[in-house]
Amino acid sequence: MSLIESALAKGLGTSPQSPVRSHPGEQRGDTSAAVRSRSTPAVAAALGERINAVPLPLDLQACQEYRVLLEDTASRNLKAVAAYRILRTRILQRARLQHWTTIGVTSAGINDGKSLTTLNLSLSLARERNSDVVLLDLDMRNPSMCRYLGVKPRHHLCHFFEGHVGVADVFFSVGVENLILAAGTVQTDQASELLATGKVAELLEYIKQRTRNPIILLDLPPLLNTDDALVVAPKIDAVLLVAAEGHTDRSALVKAMKLLGNVPLAGLVLNRAVETSHGYGYYGYGPGY
């Protein structure tokens, strides 16, 4: 069985069901706890308890430079848009089958394109319009989402993990319907320690309670450069692994997959791939397209 076949076989596995958690103080006669127990994400969204995502202006020049597939640039990158539609559909099919809500995106090493893949996948998911898509930049040693979009957030996601701002303060939007982001430009060498606290669970729960049928994408650091992704992996439903044709070393990819252990694999993306297709010429996405 090939490496990619092994990855896909692993991705078909089901994730263990999360235990049902009772609310503290939910006892007989405690009406406030009973109300909280009925405050499901769908109910919360219906009641208007939505995330307050501050609108920020995009830098279209930066988006074009970094190959961000916005509506304004999609017409010039039709092959890339088509590739992300296929990826979107495969991810959604698997997520709905396995009841996944939170999907981390990582790679074996640096420069495999996992952050741009995460961003463009979130844009493609948002266009599908059946879910609220939330993108979290948890690569706090090298945050890149704000740079790709050319935005300057009021509050940096790193500062939430450090306890300087509340969870409600970190979200923003960029004019794309159904897409919410939390990111920043501040770097930290303490990312592993910050991610090991209860802040990740707090952040994810806040999002789930205030979104409609959410899909949450987490941009995670490379697996072989730091333990950050391994700290987060047990707290999410699945991981999408990105490799780059002509760049990712096979042995590094094998080691990365072994490090993930029993974490469900949402899929393996071959970035910058070139294929020949009758009638369509070369098909792929990378600096040459």
Protein backbone atom coordinates (compact mmCIF):
# COMPACT_ATOMS: atom_id res chain seq x y z
CA MET A 1 0.00 0.00 0.00
CA SER A 2 1.39 3.39 -1.00
CA LEU A 3 1.88 6.29 1.38
CA ILE A 4 -1.11 8.19 -0.01
CA GLU A 5 -3.28 5.06 0.09
CA SER A 6 -2.29 4.57 3.72
CA ALA A 7 -3.22 8.16 4.49
CA LEU A 8 -6.62 7.83 2.84
CA ALA A 9 -7.30 4.53 4.61
CA LYS A 10 -6.49 6.20 7.92
CA GLY A 11 -8.79 9.07 7.06
CA LEU A 12 -11.75 6.70 6.71
CA GLY A 13 -11.51 5.80 10.39
CA THR A 14 -14.08 7.17 12.78
CA SER A 15 -13.14 9.43 15.65
CA PRO A 16 -14.12 8.45 19.19
CA GLN A 17 -17.27 10.09 20.42
CA SER A 18 -16.81 12.81 22.95
CA PRO A 19 -18.29 12.09 26.39
CA VAL A 20 -21.44 13.96 27.33
CA ARG A 21 -20.60 16.66 29.84
CA SER A 22 -23.08 17.90 32.39
CA HIS A 23 -23.25 21.57 33.31
CA PRO A 24 -22.01 22.51 36.77
CA GLY A 25 -24.90 23.21 39.08
CA GLU A 26 -27.47 21.52 36.87
CA GLN A 27 -29.59 20.10 39.62
CA ARG A 28 -33.30 19.74 40.21
CA GLY A 29 -34.91 23.13 40.46
CA ASP A 30 -31.94 25.01 38.96
CA THR A 31 -33.80 26.69 36.10
CA SER A 32 -30.77 28.70 34.93
CA ALA A 33 -28.77 25.49 34.43
CA ALA A 34 -31.72 23.95 32.56
CA VAL A 35 -31.77 26.90 30.19
CA ARG A 36 -28.03 26.61 29.64
CA SER A 37 -28.39 22.91 28.86
CA ARG A 38 -30.78 23.77 26.03
CA SER A 39 -28.49 26.46 24.60
CA THR A 40 -27.20 24.39 21.71
CA PRO A 41 -25.21 26.08 18.92
CA ALA A 42 -28.31 26.09 16.70
CA VAL A 43 -30.46 27.60 19.45
CA ALA A 44 -27.81 30.18 20.34
CA ALA A 45 -27.53 31.22 16.70
CA ALA A 46 -31.30 31.45 16.38
CA LEU A 47 -31.48 33.64 19.48
CA GLY A 48 -29.02 36.05 17.93
CA GLU A 49 -26.06 35.20 20.16
CA ARG A 50 -23.72 35.38 17.20
CA ILE A 51 -20.03 36.19 17.17
CA ASN A 52 -19.33 39.90 16.84
CA ALA A 53 -16.77 39.82 14.03
CA VAL A 54 -15.32 43.30 13.49
CA PRO A 55 -15.16 44.10 9.74
CA LEU A 56 -11.65 44.91 8.50
CA PRO A 57 -10.59 46.14 5.06
CA LEU A 58 -8.56 43.80 2.86
CA ASP A 59 -5.39 44.75 1.05
CA LEU A 60 -6.19 43.43 -2.42
CA GLN A 61 -2.60 43.87 -3.55
CA ALA A 62 -1.37 41.65 -0.71
CA CYS A 63 -4.06 39.08 -1.49
CA GLN A 64 -3.00 38.99 -5.11
CA GLU A 65 0.68 38.73 -4.19
CA TYR A 66 0.08 35.79 -1.87
CA ARG A 67 -2.42 34.09 -4.26
CA VAL A 68 -5.44 34.39 -1.99
CA LEU A 69 -8.47 33.24 -4.00
CA LEU A 70 -10.98 36.01 -3.36
CA GLU A 71 -13.90 36.65 -5.69
CA ASP A 72 -11.90 39.45 -7.31
CA THR A 73 -8.97 37.17 -8.12
CA ALA A 74 -10.77 33.87 -8.72
CA SER A 75 -11.44 34.58 -12.40
CA ARG A 76 -7.68 34.70 -13.01
CA ASN A 77 -7.07 31.40 -11.18
CA LEU A 78 -9.82 29.13 -12.45
CA LYS A 79 -7.78 25.93 -12.17
CA ALA A 80 -6.87 26.69 -8.57
CA VAL A 81 -10.50 27.52 -7.75
CA ALA A 82 -11.61 24.22 -9.27
CA ALA A 83 -9.01 22.32 -7.25
CA TYR A 84 -10.22 23.91 -4.01
CA ARG A 85 -13.83 23.11 -4.88
CA ILE A 86 -12.89 19.45 -5.15
CA LEU A 87 -11.00 19.63 -1.86
CA ARG A 88 -13.96 21.43 -0.25
CA THR A 89 -16.42 18.79 -1.36
CA ARG A 90 -14.25 15.92 -0.18
CA ILE A 91 -13.71 17.56 3.20
CA LEU A 92 -17.41 18.34 3.66
CA GLN A 93 -18.44 14.81 2.70
CA ARG A 94 -16.07 13.31 5.21
CA ALA A 95 -16.87 15.88 7.92
CA ARG A 96 -20.60 15.27 7.63
CA LEU A 97 -20.16 11.52 7.60
CA GLN A 98 -17.92 11.57 10.69
CA HIS A 99 -19.68 14.52 12.40
CA TRP A 100 -16.49 16.58 12.43
CA THR A 101 -16.60 20.25 13.35
CA THR A 102 -12.95 21.12 14.05
CA ILE A 103 -10.24 20.33 11.50
CA GLY A 104 -6.59 21.24 11.95
CA VAL A 105 -4.34 21.80 8.93
CA THR A 106 -0.64 21.07 9.21
CA SER A 107 2.35 19.77 7.27
CA ALA A 108 5.53 17.84 7.91
CA GLY A 109 7.86 20.83 7.54
CA ILE A 110 7.96 24.48 6.58
CA ASN A 111 7.19 25.95 3.15
CA ASP A 112 4.74 23.21 2.19
CA GLY A 113 1.97 25.77 1.69
CA LYS A 114 -0.30 24.64 4.52
CA SER A 115 -1.28 28.19 5.63
CA LEU A 116 -2.32 29.34 2.16
CA THR A 117 -4.11 26.02 1.68
CA THR A 118 -6.01 26.62 4.93
CA LEU A 119 -6.97 30.17 3.94
CA ASN A 120 -8.12 29.30 0.42
CA LEU A 121 -9.99 26.25 1.69
CA SER A 122 -11.84 28.44 4.21
CA LEU A 123 -12.82 30.84 1.43
CA SER A 124 -14.09 27.96 -0.70
CA LEU A 125 -16.05 26.52 2.25
CA ALA A 126 -17.63 29.90 2.94
CA ARG A 127 -18.86 30.13 -0.67
CA GLU A 128 -20.79 26.90 -0.16
CA ARG A 129 -23.03 28.94 2.23
CA ASN A 130 -24.32 26.00 4.28
CA SER A 131 -22.06 26.59 7.27
CA ASP A 132 -20.44 29.32 9.29
CA VAL A 133 -16.72 28.91 8.58
CA VAL A 134 -14.28 30.01 11.27
CA LEU A 135 -10.55 30.22 10.56
CA LEU A 136 -8.13 30.26 13.51
CA ASP A 137 -4.45 31.06 13.02
CA LEU A 138 -2.86 28.92 15.73
CA ASP A 139 0.58 28.99 14.14
CA MET A 140 1.54 31.58 16.74
CA ARG A 141 5.28 31.20 16.22
CA ASN A 142 4.82 32.34 12.63
CA PRO A 143 1.31 33.76 12.10
CA SER A 144 0.59 34.47 8.45
CA MET A 145 -3.16 34.91 7.85
CA CYS A 146 -3.20 38.66 8.56
CA ARG A 147 -0.15 39.11 6.32
CA TYR A 148 -1.77 37.22 3.45
CA LEU A 149 -4.93 39.30 3.76
CA GLY A 150 -3.20 42.58 4.51
CA VAL A 151 -5.36 43.22 7.60
CA LYS A 152 -4.49 44.71 10.99
CA PRO A 153 -6.64 43.18 13.74
CA ARG A 154 -7.60 45.19 16.80
CA HIS A 155 -6.65 42.30 19.09
CA HIS A 156 -4.18 39.51 18.41
CA LEU A 157 -5.20 35.90 19.00
CA CYS A 158 -1.96 35.38 20.91
CA HIS A 159 -3.10 37.95 23.48
CA PHE A 160 -6.24 35.93 24.20
CA PHE A 161 -4.10 32.91 25.05
CA GLU A 162 -1.95 35.12 27.27
CA GLY A 163 -5.05 36.35 29.09
CA HIS A 164 -4.80 39.99 27.99
CA VAL A 165 -8.12 40.08 26.08
CA GLY A 166 -11.36 38.15 26.24
CA VAL A 167 -12.47 35.50 23.79
CA ALA A 168 -15.15 37.78 22.32
CA ASP A 169 -12.55 40.38 21.31
CA VAL A 170 -10.47 38.39 18.83
CA PHE A 171 -12.85 37.83 15.91
CA PHE A 172 -12.98 39.81 12.68
CA SER A 173 -14.36 39.53 9.16
CA VAL A 174 -13.03 40.57 5.76
CA GLY A 175 -16.24 41.05 3.80
CA VAL A 176 -16.63 37.38 2.86
CA GLU A 177 -20.07 36.11 3.81
CA ASN A 178 -20.10 33.18 6.28
CA LEU A 179 -16.38 33.57 7.10
CA ILE A 180 -15.07 34.61 10.53
CA LEU A 181 -11.39 34.83 11.46
CA ALA A 182 -9.26 35.05 14.58
CA ALA A 183 -5.58 35.69 13.98
CA GLY A 184 -2.81 38.17 14.66
CA THR A 185 0.67 39.30 13.79
CA VAL A 186 2.32 38.95 17.22
CA GLN A 187 4.69 36.00 17.52
CA THR A 188 5.44 34.04 20.67
CA ASP A 189 7.99 31.40 21.63
CA GLN A 190 5.61 30.12 24.31
CA ALA A 191 3.00 28.81 21.87
CA SER A 192 3.23 25.22 23.07
CA GLU A 193 2.65 26.19 26.69
CA LEU A 194 -0.21 28.54 25.78
CA LEU A 195 -1.93 25.92 23.63
CA ALA A 196 -1.65 23.36 26.43
CA THR A 197 -3.94 25.43 28.68
CA GLY A 198 -7.72 25.33 28.62
CA LYS A 199 -7.85 28.30 26.25
CA VAL A 200 -8.21 26.14 23.13
CA ALA A 201 -11.28 24.42 24.56
CA GLU A 202 -12.70 27.78 25.67
CA LEU A 203 -12.20 29.25 22.20
CA LEU A 204 -13.75 26.30 20.38
CA GLU A 205 -16.74 26.11 22.72
CA TYR A 206 -17.40 29.83 22.35
CA ILE A 207 -17.43 29.44 18.56
CA LYS A 208 -19.69 26.39 18.57
CA GLN A 209 -22.24 28.13 20.78
CA ARG A 210 -22.44 31.18 18.50
CA THR A 211 -22.35 29.84 14.95
CA ARG A 212 -24.64 27.97 12.60
CA ASN A 213 -23.53 24.48 11.60
CA PRO A 214 -19.88 25.51 12.03
CA ILE A 215 -16.79 24.28 10.25
CA ILE A 216 -13.72 25.39 12.21
CA LEU A 217 -10.32 25.30 10.47
CA LEU A 218 -7.18 25.65 12.58
CA ASP A 219 -3.89 26.54 10.92
CA LEU A 220 -1.32 24.60 12.95
CA PRO A 221 2.50 24.72 12.88
CA PRO A 222 4.45 22.01 11.02
CA LEU A 223 4.64 18.72 12.88
CA LEU A 224 8.40 18.24 12.72
CA ASN A 225 9.40 21.75 13.82
CA THR A 226 7.61 22.06 17.14
CA ASP A 227 5.15 20.15 19.31
CA ASP A 228 2.40 22.79 18.98
CA ALA A 229 0.29 20.78 16.51
CA LEU A 230 0.60 17.65 18.66
CA VAL A 231 -0.65 19.62 21.67
CA VAL A 232 -3.78 20.72 19.79
CA ALA A 233 -4.48 17.50 17.85
CA PRO A 234 -6.22 15.58 20.69
CA LYS A 235 -8.58 18.54 21.20
CA ILE A 236 -9.97 18.58 17.65
CA ASP A 237 -11.84 16.13 15.42
CA ALA A 238 -9.36 15.55 12.58
CA VAL A 239 -6.21 16.76 10.86
CA LEU A 240 -5.64 17.63 7.20
CA LEU A 241 -2.04 17.02 6.17
CA VAL A 242 -0.46 19.13 3.40
CA ALA A 243 2.56 18.05 1.34
CA ALA A 244 4.21 19.90 -1.54
CA GLU A 245 5.27 18.17 -4.73
CA GLY A 246 9.01 18.53 -5.27
CA HIS A 247 9.55 19.85 -1.74
CA THR A 248 8.20 17.53 0.94
CA ASP A 249 10.57 14.70 1.71
CA ARG A 250 8.91 11.29 1.75
CA SER A 251 10.62 10.21 4.97
CA ALA A 252 9.49 13.44 6.66
CA LEU A 253 5.90 12.80 5.58
CA VAL A 254 6.03 9.26 6.95
CA LYS A 255 7.40 10.55 10.26
CA ALA A 256 4.70 13.23 10.44
CA MET A 257 1.95 10.66 9.91
CA LYS A 258 3.41 8.46 12.63
CA LEU A 259 3.48 11.41 15.03
CA LEU A 260 -0.23 11.94 14.48
CA GLY A 261 -0.84 8.46 15.83
CA ASN A 262 -4.55 7.74 16.20
CA VAL A 263 -5.70 11.26 15.34
CA PRO A 264 -8.25 10.93 12.49
CA LEU A 265 -6.84 12.08 9.16
CA ALA A 266 -9.22 14.25 7.14
CA GLY A 267 -7.06 13.80 4.07
CA LEU A 268 -3.70 14.34 2.43
CA VAL A 269 -3.36 17.36 0.14
CA LEU A 270 -0.64 17.31 -2.50
CA ASN A 271 0.10 21.00 -2.96
CA ARG A 272 1.73 22.48 -6.10
CA ALA A 273 0.83 19.28 -7.96
CA VAL A 274 0.96 19.09 -11.74
CA GLU A 275 -1.21 16.60 -13.60
CA THR A 276 -2.05 16.25 -17.27
CA SER A 277 -5.73 16.12 -18.08
CA HIS A 278 -7.16 15.70 -21.62
CA GLY A 279 -8.64 18.97 -22.77
CA TYR A 280 -7.50 20.94 -19.76
CA GLY A 281 -3.71 20.88 -19.99
CA TYR A 282 -1.86 21.15 -16.70
CA TYR A 283 -3.91 21.06 -13.55
CA GLY A 284 -2.54 22.25 -10.23
CA TYR A 285 -1.73 25.16 -8.02
CA GLY A 286 1.60 26.77 -7.28
CA PRO A 287 3.93 29.65 -8.14
CA GLY A 288 3.87 28.71 -11.80
CA TYR A 289 0.10 29.11 -12.21
